């Protein structure tokens, strides 16, 4: 069993990285952006001494998902295509809500209690 796992990893590296280095790099950048959003959120929360999700978190989420969605289409993986499609819609909706809320300049009870 261990040998088959090793063989699978070797095969994946050969097929996805060695044979297609440009797309492998694109996927790695997308994953770094997508994962980096949590590091950013953690740093901001530590700075504010409370849990906080900055607006840039949603932009990084959207950018990372768009890149990983593109990679998913490239490798023709329907599971990842569907997953990242849904993520993209959620992140766009959150950004839209943030934009509308900021435009109105209204502070909700929850936001007032946070600051």
PDB file of N, CA and C in Angstrom:
ATOM      1  N   UNK A   1       0.816  -1.191   0.000  1.00  0.00           N
ATOM      2  CA  UNK A   1       0.000   0.000   0.000  1.00  0.00           C
ATOM      3  C   UNK A   1       0.862   1.259   0.000  1.00  0.00           C
ATOM      4  N   UNK A   2       1.900   1.279   0.826  1.00  0.00           N
ATOM      5  CA  UNK A   2       2.789   2.437   0.879  1.00  0.00           C
ATOM      6  C   UNK A   2       3.446   2.679  -0.478  1.00  0.00           C
ATOM      7  N   UNK A   3       3.804   1.597  -1.160  1.00  0.00           N
ATOM      8  CA  UNK A   3       4.404   1.724  -2.490  1.00  0.00           C
ATOM      9  C   UNK A   3       3.444   2.364  -3.480  1.00  0.00           C
ATOM     10  N   UNK A   4       2.174   2.023  -3.386  1.00  0.00           N
ATOM     11  CA  UNK A   4       1.200   2.605  -4.313  1.00  0.00           C
ATOM     12  C   UNK A   4       1.000   4.098  -4.042  1.00  0.00           C
ATOM     13  N   UNK A   5       1.096   4.500  -2.784  1.00  0.00           N
ATOM     14  CA  UNK A   5       0.996   5.922  -2.447  1.00  0.00           C
ATOM     15  C   UNK A   5       2.194   6.680  -3.010  1.00  0.00           C
ATOM     16  N   UNK A   6       3.375   6.120  -2.840  1.00  0.00           N
ATOM     17  CA  UNK A   6       4.598   6.731  -3.378  1.00  0.00           C
ATOM     18  C   UNK A   6       4.497   6.848  -4.893  1.00  0.00           C
ATOM     19  N   UNK A   7       4.020   5.806  -5.532  1.00  0.00           N
ATOM     20  CA  UNK A   7       3.874   5.805  -6.993  1.00  0.00           C
ATOM     21  C   UNK A   7       2.868   6.865  -7.431  1.00  0.00           C
ATOM     22  N   UNK A   8       1.783   7.002  -6.692  1.00  0.00           N
ATOM     23  CA  UNK A   8       0.772   8.018  -7.004  1.00  0.00           C
ATOM     24  C   UNK A   8       1.371   9.421  -6.914  1.00  0.00           C
ATOM     25  N   UNK A   9       2.133   9.691  -5.855  1.00  0.00           N
ATOM     26  CA  UNK A   9       2.753  11.005  -5.672  1.00  0.00           C
ATOM     27  C   UNK A   9       3.740  11.283  -6.802  1.00  0.00           C
ATOM     28  N   UNK A  10       4.570  10.306  -7.149  1.00  0.00           N
ATOM     29  CA  UNK A  10       5.517  10.477  -8.256  1.00  0.00           C
ATOM     30  C   UNK A  10       4.783  10.789  -9.554  1.00  0.00           C
ATOM     31  N   UNK A  11       3.722  10.055  -9.812  1.00  0.00           N
ATOM     32  CA  UNK A  11       2.928  10.245 -11.025  1.00  0.00           C
ATOM     33  C   UNK A  11       2.303  11.642 -11.047  1.00  0.00           C
ATOM     34  N   UNK A  12       1.757  12.068  -9.918  1.00  0.00           N
ATOM     35  CA  UNK A  12       1.136  13.393  -9.838  1.00  0.00           C
ATOM     36  C   UNK A  12       2.159  14.494 -10.068  1.00  0.00           C
ATOM     37  N   UNK A  13       3.334  14.349  -9.483  1.00  0.00           N
ATOM     38  CA  UNK A  13       4.398  15.337  -9.670  1.00  0.00           C
ATOM     39  C   UNK A  13       4.808  15.401 -11.131  1.00  0.00           C
ATOM     40  N   UNK A  14       4.982  14.251 -11.741  1.00  0.00           N
ATOM     41  CA  UNK A  14       5.395  14.207 -13.143  1.00  0.00           C
ATOM     42  C   UNK A  14       4.325  14.819 -14.043  1.00  0.00           C
ATOM     43  N   UNK A  15       3.086  14.402 -13.870  1.00  0.00           N
ATOM     44  CA  UNK A  15       2.011  14.863 -14.753  1.00  0.00           C
ATOM     45  C   UNK A  15       1.646  16.324 -14.529  1.00  0.00           C
ATOM     46  N   UNK A  16       1.626  16.767 -13.290  1.00  0.00           N
ATOM     47  CA  UNK A  16       1.103  18.096 -13.013  1.00  0.00           C
ATOM     48  C   UNK A  16       2.174  19.168 -12.850  1.00  0.00           C
ATOM     49  N   UNK A  17       3.364  18.815 -12.478  1.00  0.00           N
ATOM     50  CA  UNK A  17       4.396  19.834 -12.263  1.00  0.00           C
ATOM     51  C   UNK A  17       5.439  19.805 -13.378  1.00  0.00           C
ATOM     52  N   UNK A  18       6.029  18.657 -13.617  1.00  0.00           N
ATOM     53  CA  UNK A  18       7.093  18.560 -14.615  1.00  0.00           C
ATOM     54  C   UNK A  18       6.542  18.754 -16.023  1.00  0.00           C
ATOM     55  N   UNK A  19       5.412  18.108 -16.325  1.00  0.00           N
ATOM     56  CA  UNK A  19       4.852  18.190 -17.668  1.00  0.00           C
ATOM     57  C   UNK A  19       4.121  19.503 -17.946  1.00  0.00           C
ATOM     58  N   UNK A  20       3.725  20.218 -16.917  1.00  0.00           N
ATOM     59  CA  UNK A  20       2.938  21.447 -17.087  1.00  0.00           C
ATOM     60  C   UNK A  20       3.366  22.501 -16.059  1.00  0.00           C
ATOM     61  N   UNK A  21       4.629  22.958 -16.118  1.00  0.00           N
ATOM     62  CA  UNK A  21       5.143  23.849 -15.075  1.00  0.00           C
ATOM     63  C   UNK A  21       4.456  25.214 -15.005  1.00  0.00           C
ATOM     64  N   UNK A  22       3.973  25.723 -16.132  1.00  0.00           N
ATOM     65  CA  UNK A  22       3.318  27.034 -16.107  1.00  0.00           C
ATOM     66  C   UNK A  22       2.029  26.968 -15.297  1.00  0.00           C
ATOM     67  N   UNK A  23       1.195  25.968 -15.593  1.00  0.00           N
ATOM     68  CA  UNK A  23      -0.062  25.841 -14.857  1.00  0.00           C
ATOM     69  C   UNK A  23       0.175  25.432 -13.409  1.00  0.00           C
ATOM     70  N   UNK A  24       1.216  24.659 -13.168  1.00  0.00           N
ATOM     71  CA  UNK A  24       1.545  24.297 -11.789  1.00  0.00           C
ATOM     72  C   UNK A  24       1.920  25.545 -10.994  1.00  0.00           C
ATOM     73  N   UNK A  25       2.654  26.447 -11.634  1.00  0.00           N
ATOM     74  CA  UNK A  25       3.037  27.699 -10.988  1.00  0.00           C
ATOM     75  C   UNK A  25       1.815  28.573 -10.743  1.00  0.00           C
ATOM     76  N   UNK A  26       0.922  28.638 -11.726  1.00  0.00           N
ATOM     77  CA  UNK A  26      -0.314  29.408 -11.567  1.00  0.00           C
ATOM     78  C   UNK A  26      -1.120  28.867 -10.390  1.00  0.00           C
ATOM     79  N   UNK A  27      -1.253  27.547 -10.310  1.00  0.00           N
ATOM     80  CA  UNK A  27      -1.998  26.929  -9.210  1.00  0.00           C
ATOM     81  C   UNK A  27      -1.333  27.215  -7.869  1.00  0.00           C
ATOM     82  N   UNK A  28      -0.013  27.157  -7.825  1.00  0.00           N
ATOM     83  CA  UNK A  28       0.709  27.433  -6.583  1.00  0.00           C
ATOM     84  C   UNK A  28       0.498  28.878  -6.142  1.00  0.00           C
ATOM     85  N   UNK A  29       0.541  29.807  -7.078  1.00  0.00           N
ATOM     86  CA  UNK A  29       0.303  31.219  -6.750  1.00  0.00           C
ATOM     87  C   UNK A  29      -1.129  31.399  -6.238  1.00  0.00           C
ATOM     88  N   UNK A  30      -2.087  30.780  -6.916  1.00  0.00           N
ATOM     89  CA  UNK A  30      -3.475  30.859  -6.475  1.00  0.00           C
ATOM     90  C   UNK A  30      -3.660  30.317  -5.076  1.00  0.00           C
ATOM     91  N   UNK A  31      -3.023  29.193  -4.802  1.00  0.00           N
ATOM     92  CA  UNK A  31      -3.130  28.588  -3.470  1.00  0.00           C
ATOM     93  C   UNK A  31      -2.457  29.459  -2.412  1.00  0.00           C
ATOM     94  N   UNK A  32      -1.327  30.088  -2.776  1.00  0.00           N
ATOM     95  CA  UNK A  32      -0.633  30.979  -1.837  1.00  0.00           C
ATOM     96  C   UNK A  32      -1.494  32.198  -1.507  1.00  0.00           C
ATOM     97  N   UNK A  33      -2.144  32.765  -2.517  1.00  0.00           N
ATOM     98  CA  UNK A  33      -3.029  33.909  -2.292  1.00  0.00           C
ATOM     99  C   UNK A  33      -4.212  33.480  -1.431  1.00  0.00           C
ATOM    100  N   UNK A  34      -4.814  32.357  -1.793  1.00  0.00           N
ATOM    101  CA  UNK A  34      -5.984  31.861  -1.074  1.00  0.00           C
ATOM    102  C   UNK A  34      -5.633  31.549   0.388  1.00  0.00           C
ATOM    103  N   UNK A  35      -4.497  30.922   0.627  1.00  0.00           N
ATOM    104  CA  UNK A  35      -4.071  30.610   1.987  1.00  0.00           C
ATOM    105  C   UNK A  35      -3.585  31.832   2.743  1.00  0.00           C
ATOM    106  N   UNK A  36      -2.978  32.780   2.022  1.00  0.00           N
ATOM    107  CA  UNK A  36      -2.448  33.987   2.642  1.00  0.00           C
ATOM    108  C   UNK A  36      -3.510  34.862   3.272  1.00  0.00           C
ATOM    109  N   UNK A  37      -4.737  34.726   2.788  1.00  0.00           N
ATOM    110  CA  UNK A  37      -5.822  35.540   3.348  1.00  0.00           C
ATOM    111  C   UNK A  37      -6.036  35.233   4.823  1.00  0.00           C
ATOM    112  N   UNK A  38      -5.830  33.974   5.220  1.00  0.00           N
ATOM    113  CA  UNK A  38      -5.988  33.611   6.624  1.00  0.00           C
ATOM    114  C   UNK A  38      -4.858  34.177   7.471  1.00  0.00           C
ATOM    115  N   UNK A  39      -3.670  34.215   6.934  1.00  0.00           N
ATOM    116  CA  UNK A  39      -2.536  34.815   7.654  1.00  0.00           C
ATOM    117  C   UNK A  39      -2.797  36.306   7.854  1.00  0.00           C
ATOM    118  N   UNK A  40      -3.274  36.962   6.802  1.00  0.00           N
ATOM    119  CA  UNK A  40      -3.608  38.379   6.903  1.00  0.00           C
ATOM    120  C   UNK A  40      -4.685  38.611   7.967  1.00  0.00           C
ATOM    121  N   UNK A  41      -5.731  37.802   7.939  1.00  0.00           N
ATOM    122  CA  UNK A  41      -6.818  37.948   8.905  1.00  0.00           C
ATOM    123  C   UNK A  41      -6.307  37.744  10.328  1.00  0.00           C
ATOM    124  N   UNK A  42      -5.426  36.794  10.503  1.00  0.00           N
ATOM    125  CA  UNK A  42      -4.835  36.522  11.818  1.00  0.00           C
ATOM    126  C   UNK A  42      -4.022  37.726  12.296  1.00  0.00           C
ATOM    127  N   UNK A  43      -3.191  38.285  11.406  1.00  0.00           N
ATOM    128  CA  UNK A  43      -2.351  39.431  11.773  1.00  0.00           C
ATOM    129  C   UNK A  43      -3.218  40.630  12.161  1.00  0.00           C
ATOM    130  N   UNK A  44      -4.241  40.902  11.351  1.00  0.00           N
ATOM    131  CA  UNK A  44      -5.130  42.028  11.638  1.00  0.00           C
ATOM    132  C   UNK A  44      -5.862  41.808  12.968  1.00  0.00           C
ATOM    133  N   UNK A  45      -6.324  40.590  13.197  1.00  0.00           N
ATOM    134  CA  UNK A  45      -7.009  40.291  14.460  1.00  0.00           C
ATOM    135  C   UNK A  45      -6.085  40.456  15.659  1.00  0.00           C
ATOM    136  N   UNK A  46      -4.842  40.022  15.517  1.00  0.00           N
ATOM    137  CA  UNK A  46      -3.872  40.200  16.604  1.00  0.00           C
ATOM    138  C   UNK A  46      -3.617  41.681  16.851  1.00  0.00           C
ATOM    139  N   UNK A  47      -3.519  42.459  15.789  1.00  0.00           N
ATOM    140  CA  UNK A  47      -3.279  43.889  15.919  1.00  0.00           C
ATOM    141  C   UNK A  47      -4.454  44.570  16.632  1.00  0.00           C
ATOM    142  N   UNK A  48      -5.679  44.187  16.266  1.00  0.00           N
ATOM    143  CA  UNK A  48      -6.872  44.795  16.857  1.00  0.00           C
ATOM    144  C   UNK A  48      -7.253  44.168  18.192  1.00  0.00           C
ATOM    145  N   UNK A  49      -6.612  43.049  18.535  1.00  0.00           N
ATOM    146  CA  UNK A  49      -6.902  42.324  19.783  1.00  0.00           C
ATOM    147  C   UNK A  49      -8.336  41.796  19.827  1.00  0.00           C
ATOM    148  N   UNK A  50      -8.885  41.509  18.650  1.00  0.00           N
ATOM    149  CA  UNK A  50     -10.207  40.895  18.524  1.00  0.00           C
ATOM    150  C   UNK A  50     -10.319  40.290  17.129  1.00  0.00           C
ATOM    151  N   UNK A  51     -11.222  39.356  16.979  1.00  0.00           N
ATOM    152  CA  UNK A  51     -11.409  38.739  15.675  1.00  0.00           C
ATOM    153  C   UNK A  51     -11.960  39.767  14.696  1.00  0.00           C
ATOM    154  N   UNK A  52     -11.293  39.896  13.562  1.00  0.00           N
ATOM    155  CA  UNK A  52     -11.694  40.892  12.562  1.00  0.00           C
ATOM    156  C   UNK A  52     -11.387  40.355  11.168  1.00  0.00           C
ATOM    157  N   UNK A  53     -12.329  40.552  10.239  1.00  0.00           N
ATOM    158  CA  UNK A  53     -12.123  40.146   8.847  1.00  0.00           C
ATOM    159  C   UNK A  53     -12.039  41.419   8.007  1.00  0.00           C
ATOM    160  N   UNK A  54     -10.825  41.796   7.581  1.00  0.00           N
ATOM    161  CA  UNK A  54     -10.687  43.015   6.788  1.00  0.00           C
ATOM    162  C   UNK A  54     -11.236  42.820   5.371  1.00  0.00           C
ATOM    163  N   UNK A  55     -11.566  43.925   4.720  1.00  0.00           N
ATOM    164  CA  UNK A  55     -12.121  43.867   3.372  1.00  0.00           C
ATOM    165  C   UNK A  55     -11.168  43.175   2.398  1.00  0.00           C
ATOM    166  N   UNK A  56      -9.879  43.387   2.572  1.00  0.00           N
ATOM    167  CA  UNK A  56      -8.900  42.775   1.668  1.00  0.00           C
ATOM    168  C   UNK A  56      -8.944  41.244   1.741  1.00  0.00           C
ATOM    169  N   UNK A  57      -9.419  40.684   2.849  1.00  0.00           N
ATOM    170  CA  UNK A  57      -9.611  39.241   2.973  1.00  0.00           C
ATOM    171  C   UNK A  57     -10.498  38.734   1.846  1.00  0.00           C
ATOM    172  N   UNK A  58     -11.592  39.470   1.578  1.00  0.00           N
ATOM    173  CA  UNK A  58     -12.544  39.048   0.542  1.00  0.00           C
ATOM    174  C   UNK A  58     -11.946  39.200  -0.847  1.00  0.00           C
ATOM    175  N   UNK A  59     -11.127  40.234  -1.054  1.00  0.00           N
ATOM    176  CA  UNK A  59     -10.462  40.396  -2.360  1.00  0.00           C
ATOM    177  C   UNK A  59      -9.448  39.270  -2.594  1.00  0.00           C
ATOM    178  N   UNK A  60      -8.685  38.915  -1.557  1.00  0.00           N
ATOM    179  CA  UNK A  60      -7.741  37.798  -1.690  1.00  0.00           C
ATOM    180  C   UNK A  60      -8.481  36.485  -1.916  1.00  0.00           C
ATOM    181  N   UNK A  61      -9.609  36.312  -1.226  1.00  0.00           N
ATOM    182  CA  UNK A  61     -10.426  35.114  -1.420  1.00  0.00           C
ATOM    183  C   UNK A  61     -10.899  35.017  -2.863  1.00  0.00           C
ATOM    184  N   UNK A  62     -11.383  36.134  -3.391  1.00  0.00           N
ATOM    185  CA  UNK A  62     -11.879  36.174  -4.767  1.00  0.00           C
ATOM    186  C   UNK A  62     -10.755  35.908  -5.764  1.00  0.00           C
ATOM    187  N   UNK A  63      -9.633  36.591  -5.606  1.00  0.00           N
ATOM    188  CA  UNK A  63      -8.511  36.406  -6.528  1.00  0.00           C
ATOM    189  C   UNK A  63      -7.989  34.975  -6.484  1.00  0.00           C
ATOM    190  N   UNK A  64      -7.767  34.442  -5.295  1.00  0.00           N
ATOM    191  CA  UNK A  64      -7.293  33.064  -5.171  1.00  0.00           C
ATOM    192  C   UNK A  64      -8.263  32.074  -5.782  1.00  0.00           C
ATOM    193  N   UNK A  65      -9.559  32.283  -5.555  1.00  0.00           N
ATOM    194  CA  UNK A  65     -10.570  31.385  -6.115  1.00  0.00           C
ATOM    195  C   UNK A  65     -10.633  31.475  -7.634  1.00  0.00           C
ATOM    196  N   UNK A  66     -10.506  32.678  -8.174  1.00  0.00           N
ATOM    197  CA  UNK A  66     -10.510  32.829  -9.636  1.00  0.00           C
ATOM    198  C   UNK A  66      -9.325  32.100 -10.271  1.00  0.00           C
ATOM    199  N   UNK A  67      -8.161  32.229  -9.651  1.00  0.00           N
ATOM    200  CA  UNK A  67      -6.968  31.547 -10.174  1.00  0.00           C
ATOM    201  C   UNK A  67      -7.139  30.034 -10.064  1.00  0.00           C
ATOM    202  N   UNK A  68      -7.587  29.564  -8.904  1.00  0.00           N
ATOM    203  CA  UNK A  68      -7.761  28.122  -8.720  1.00  0.00           C
ATOM    204  C   UNK A  68      -8.917  27.578  -9.559  1.00  0.00           C
ATOM    205  N   UNK A  69      -9.932  28.391  -9.799  1.00  0.00           N
ATOM    206  CA  UNK A  69     -11.012  27.995 -10.714  1.00  0.00           C
ATOM    207  C   UNK A  69     -10.446  27.801 -12.120  1.00  0.00           C
ATOM    208  N   UNK A  70      -9.606  28.735 -12.561  1.00  0.00           N
ATOM    209  CA  UNK A  70      -8.985  28.624 -13.888  1.00  0.00           C
ATOM    210  C   UNK A  70      -8.154  27.353 -13.998  1.00  0.00           C
ATOM    211  N   UNK A  71      -7.404  27.064 -12.956  1.00  0.00           N
ATOM    212  CA  UNK A  71      -6.605  25.838 -12.948  1.00  0.00           C
ATOM    213  C   UNK A  71      -7.506  24.605 -12.980  1.00  0.00           C
ATOM    214  N   UNK A  72      -8.603  24.647 -12.234  1.00  0.00           N
ATOM    215  CA  UNK A  72      -9.550  23.527 -12.210  1.00  0.00           C
ATOM    216  C   UNK A  72     -10.139  23.266 -13.594  1.00  0.00           C
ATOM    217  N   UNK A  73     -10.440  24.347 -14.320  1.00  0.00           N
ATOM    218  CA  UNK A  73     -10.939  24.202 -15.689  1.00  0.00           C
ATOM    219  C   UNK A  73      -9.846  23.592 -16.564  1.00  0.00           C
ATOM    220  N   UNK A  74      -8.617  24.063 -16.379  1.00  0.00           N
ATOM    221  CA  UNK A  74      -7.491  23.544 -17.164  1.00  0.00           C
ATOM    222  C   UNK A  74      -7.304  22.040 -16.973  1.00  0.00           C
ATOM    223  N   UNK A  75      -7.405  21.584 -15.727  1.00  0.00           N
ATOM    224  CA  UNK A  75      -7.210  20.144 -15.483  1.00  0.00           C
ATOM    225  C   UNK A  75      -8.512  19.353 -15.616  1.00  0.00           C
ATOM    226  N   UNK A  76      -9.593  20.076 -15.932  1.00  0.00           N
ATOM    227  CA  UNK A  76     -10.903  19.450 -16.177  1.00  0.00           C
ATOM    228  C   UNK A  76     -11.404  18.649 -14.973  1.00  0.00           C
ATOM    229  N   UNK A  77     -11.351  19.287 -13.794  1.00  0.00           N
ATOM    230  CA  UNK A  77     -11.803  18.638 -12.571  1.00  0.00           C
ATOM    231  C   UNK A  77     -13.151  19.233 -12.160  1.00  0.00           C
ATOM    232  N   UNK A  78     -14.250  18.523 -12.418  1.00  0.00           N
ATOM    233  CA  UNK A  78     -15.582  19.094 -12.150  1.00  0.00           C
ATOM    234  C   UNK A  78     -15.850  19.386 -10.680  1.00  0.00           C
ATOM    235  N   UNK A  79     -15.267  18.639  -9.781  1.00  0.00           N
ATOM    236  CA  UNK A  79     -15.487  18.869  -8.350  1.00  0.00           C
ATOM    237  C   UNK A  79     -14.894  20.208  -7.935  1.00  0.00           C
ATOM    238  N   UNK A  80     -13.665  20.475  -8.338  1.00  0.00           N
ATOM    239  CA  UNK A  80     -13.036  21.757  -8.009  1.00  0.00           C
ATOM    240  C   UNK A  80     -13.688  22.905  -8.770  1.00  0.00           C
ATOM    241  N   UNK A  81     -14.109  22.667 -10.010  1.00  0.00           N
ATOM    242  CA  UNK A  81     -14.793  23.704 -10.783  1.00  0.00           C
ATOM    243  C   UNK A  81     -16.064  24.143 -10.047  1.00  0.00           C
ATOM    244  N   UNK A  82     -16.868  23.186  -9.610  1.00  0.00           N
ATOM    245  CA  UNK A  82     -18.093  23.522  -8.873  1.00  0.00           C
ATOM    246  C   UNK A  82     -17.785  24.211  -7.547  1.00  0.00           C
ATOM    247  N   UNK A  83     -16.798  23.704  -6.839  1.00  0.00           N
ATOM    248  CA  UNK A  83     -16.439  24.286  -5.541  1.00  0.00           C
ATOM    249  C   UNK A  83     -15.974  25.720  -5.650  1.00  0.00           C
ATOM    250  N   UNK A  84     -15.075  25.974  -6.578  1.00  0.00           N
ATOM    251  CA  UNK A  84     -14.561  27.342  -6.719  1.00  0.00           C
ATOM    252  C   UNK A  84     -15.592  28.262  -7.346  1.00  0.00           C
ATOM    253  N   UNK A  85     -16.511  27.720  -8.166  1.00  0.00           N
ATOM    254  CA  UNK A  85     -17.598  28.542  -8.717  1.00  0.00           C
ATOM    255  C   UNK A  85     -18.457  29.090  -7.590  1.00  0.00           C
ATOM    256  N   UNK A  86     -18.823  28.240  -6.663  1.00  0.00           N
ATOM    257  CA  UNK A  86     -19.630  28.671  -5.528  1.00  0.00           C
ATOM    258  C   UNK A  86     -18.869  29.678  -4.671  1.00  0.00           C
ATOM    259  N   UNK A  87     -17.592  29.405  -4.419  1.00  0.00           N
ATOM    260  CA  UNK A  87     -16.774  30.348  -3.640  1.00  0.00           C
ATOM    261  C   UNK A  87     -16.776  31.729  -4.284  1.00  0.00           C
ATOM    262  N   UNK A  88     -16.581  31.767  -5.589  1.00  0.00           N
ATOM    263  CA  UNK A  88     -16.517  33.046  -6.304  1.00  0.00           C
ATOM    264  C   UNK A  88     -17.807  33.822  -6.109  1.00  0.00           C
ATOM    265  N   UNK A  89     -18.942  33.153  -6.218  1.00  0.00           N
ATOM    266  CA  UNK A  89     -20.230  33.823  -6.025  1.00  0.00           C
ATOM    267  C   UNK A  89     -20.367  34.374  -4.603  1.00  0.00           C
ATOM    268  N   UNK A  90     -19.950  33.593  -3.623  1.00  0.00           N
ATOM    269  CA  UNK A  90     -20.035  34.027  -2.216  1.00  0.00           C
ATOM    270  C   UNK A  90     -19.146  35.243  -1.972  1.00  0.00           C
ATOM    271  N   UNK A  91     -17.922  35.217  -2.482  1.00  0.00           N
ATOM    272  CA  UNK A  91     -17.001  36.338  -2.263  1.00  0.00           C
ATOM    273  C   UNK A  91     -17.474  37.590  -2.981  1.00  0.00           C
ATOM    274  N   UNK A  92     -18.026  37.438  -4.190  1.00  0.00           N
ATOM    275  CA  UNK A  92     -18.577  38.592  -4.901  1.00  0.00           C
ATOM    276  C   UNK A  92     -19.757  39.186  -4.127  1.00  0.00           C
ATOM    277  N   UNK A  93     -20.601  38.335  -3.588  1.00  0.00           N
ATOM    278  CA  UNK A  93     -21.750  38.820  -2.816  1.00  0.00           C
ATOM    279  C   UNK A  93     -21.292  39.552  -1.551  1.00  0.00           C
ATOM    280  N   UNK A  94     -20.318  39.021  -0.849  1.00  0.00           N
ATOM    281  CA  UNK A  94     -19.807  39.700   0.347  1.00  0.00           C
ATOM    282  C   UNK A  94     -19.232  41.071  -0.006  1.00  0.00           C
ATOM    283  N   UNK A  95     -18.462  41.138  -1.088  1.00  0.00           N
ATOM    284  CA  UNK A  95     -17.894  42.421  -1.507  1.00  0.00           C
ATOM    285  C   UNK A  95     -18.992  43.399  -1.917  1.00  0.00           C
ATOM    286  N   UNK A  96     -20.012  42.894  -2.573  1.00  0.00           N
ATOM    287  CA  UNK A  96     -21.145  43.743  -2.952  1.00  0.00           C
ATOM    288  C   UNK A  96     -21.842  44.293  -1.712  1.00  0.00           C
ATOM    289  N   UNK A  97     -22.084  43.432  -0.731  1.00  0.00           N
ATOM    290  CA  UNK A  97     -22.718  43.883   0.513  1.00  0.00           C
ATOM    291  C   UNK A  97     -21.852  44.911   1.245  1.00  0.00           C
ATOM    292  N   UNK A  98     -20.553  44.685   1.264  1.00  0.00           N
ATOM    293  CA  UNK A  98     -19.635  45.645   1.910  1.00  0.00           C
ATOM    294  C   UNK A  98     -19.699  46.988   1.194  1.00  0.00           C
ATOM    295  N   UNK A  99     -19.706  46.957  -0.138  1.00  0.00           N
ATOM    296  CA  UNK A  99     -19.750  48.189  -0.937  1.00  0.00           C
ATOM    297  C   UNK A  99     -21.056  48.953  -0.682  1.00  0.00           C
ATOM    298  N   UNK A 100     -22.183  48.254  -0.710  1.00  0.00           N
ATOM    299  CA  UNK A 100     -23.486  48.897  -0.479  1.00  0.00           C
ATOM    300  C   UNK A 100     -23.548  49.480   0.934  1.00  0.00           C
ATOM    301  N   UNK A 101     -23.077  48.718   1.896  1.00  0.00           N
ATOM    302  CA  UNK A 101     -23.105  49.163   3.292  1.00  0.00           C
ATOM    303  C   UNK A 101     -22.234  50.415   3.486  1.00  0.00           C
ATOM    304  N   UNK A 102     -21.055  50.403   2.892  1.00  0.00           N
ATOM    305  CA  UNK A 102     -20.154  51.555   3.015  1.00  0.00           C
ATOM    306  C   UNK A 102     -20.736  52.786   2.324  1.00  0.00           C
ATOM    307  N   UNK A 103     -21.403  52.567   1.210  1.00  0.00           N
ATOM    308  CA  UNK A 103     -22.006  53.671   0.460  1.00  0.00           C
ATOM    309  C   UNK A 103     -23.109  54.351   1.267  1.00  0.00           C
ATOM    310  N   UNK A 104     -23.883  53.564   2.025  1.00  0.00           N
ATOM    311  CA  UNK A 104     -24.954  54.106   2.858  1.00  0.00           C
ATOM    312  C   UNK A 104     -24.405  54.792   4.105  1.00  0.00           C
ATOM    313  N   UNK A 105     -23.203  54.372   4.548  1.00  0.00           N
ATOM    314  CA  UNK A 105     -22.595  54.971   5.727  1.00  0.00           C
ATOM    315  C   UNK A 105     -23.322  54.652   7.023  1.00  0.00           C
ATOM    316  N   UNK A 106     -24.023  53.553   7.036  1.00  0.00           N
ATOM    317  CA  UNK A 106     -24.795  53.166   8.218  1.00  0.00           C
ATOM    318  C   UNK A 106     -23.947  52.261   9.100  1.00  0.00           C
ATOM    319  N   UNK A 107     -23.980  52.505  10.401  1.00  0.00           N
ATOM    320  CA  UNK A 107     -23.302  51.643  11.367  1.00  0.00           C
ATOM    321  C   UNK A 107     -24.382  50.824  12.068  1.00  0.00           C
ATOM    322  N   UNK A 108     -24.254  49.502  11.959  1.00  0.00           N
ATOM    323  CA  UNK A 108     -25.236  48.638  12.600  1.00  0.00           C
ATOM    324  C   UNK A 108     -24.942  48.496  14.086  1.00  0.00           C
ATOM    325  N   UNK A 109     -25.900  47.944  14.816  1.00  0.00           N
ATOM    326  CA  UNK A 109     -25.738  47.712  16.254  1.00  0.00           C
ATOM    327  C   UNK A 109     -24.526  46.828  16.510  1.00  0.00           C
ATOM    328  N   UNK A 110     -24.366  45.807  15.694  1.00  0.00           N
ATOM    329  CA  UNK A 110     -23.244  44.868  15.867  1.00  0.00           C
ATOM    330  C   UNK A 110     -21.918  45.591  15.628  1.00  0.00           C
ATOM    331  N   UNK A 111     -21.840  46.376  14.553  1.00  0.00           N
ATOM    332  CA  UNK A 111     -20.588  47.110  14.271  1.00  0.00           C
ATOM    333  C   UNK A 111     -20.288  48.137  15.346  1.00  0.00           C
ATOM    334  N   UNK A 112     -21.311  48.811  15.828  1.00  0.00           N
ATOM    335  CA  UNK A 112     -21.116  49.787  16.889  1.00  0.00           C
ATOM    336  C   UNK A 112     -20.562  49.156  18.142  1.00  0.00           C
ATOM    337  N   UNK A 113     -21.008  47.938  18.446  1.00  0.00           N
ATOM    338  CA  UNK A 113     -20.531  47.209  19.632  1.00  0.00           C
ATOM    339  C   UNK A 113     -19.121  46.693  19.434  1.00  0.00           C
ATOM    340  N   UNK A 114     -18.716  46.474  18.161  1.00  0.00           N
ATOM    341  CA  UNK A 114     -17.388  45.916  17.890  1.00  0.00           C
ATOM    342  C   UNK A 114     -16.286  46.945  18.149  1.00  0.00           C
ATOM    343  N   UNK A 115     -16.531  48.187  17.807  1.00  0.00           N
ATOM    344  CA  UNK A 115     -15.462  49.185  17.891  1.00  0.00           C
ATOM    345  C   UNK A 115     -15.427  49.909  19.176  1.00  0.00           C
TER     346      UNK A 115
END
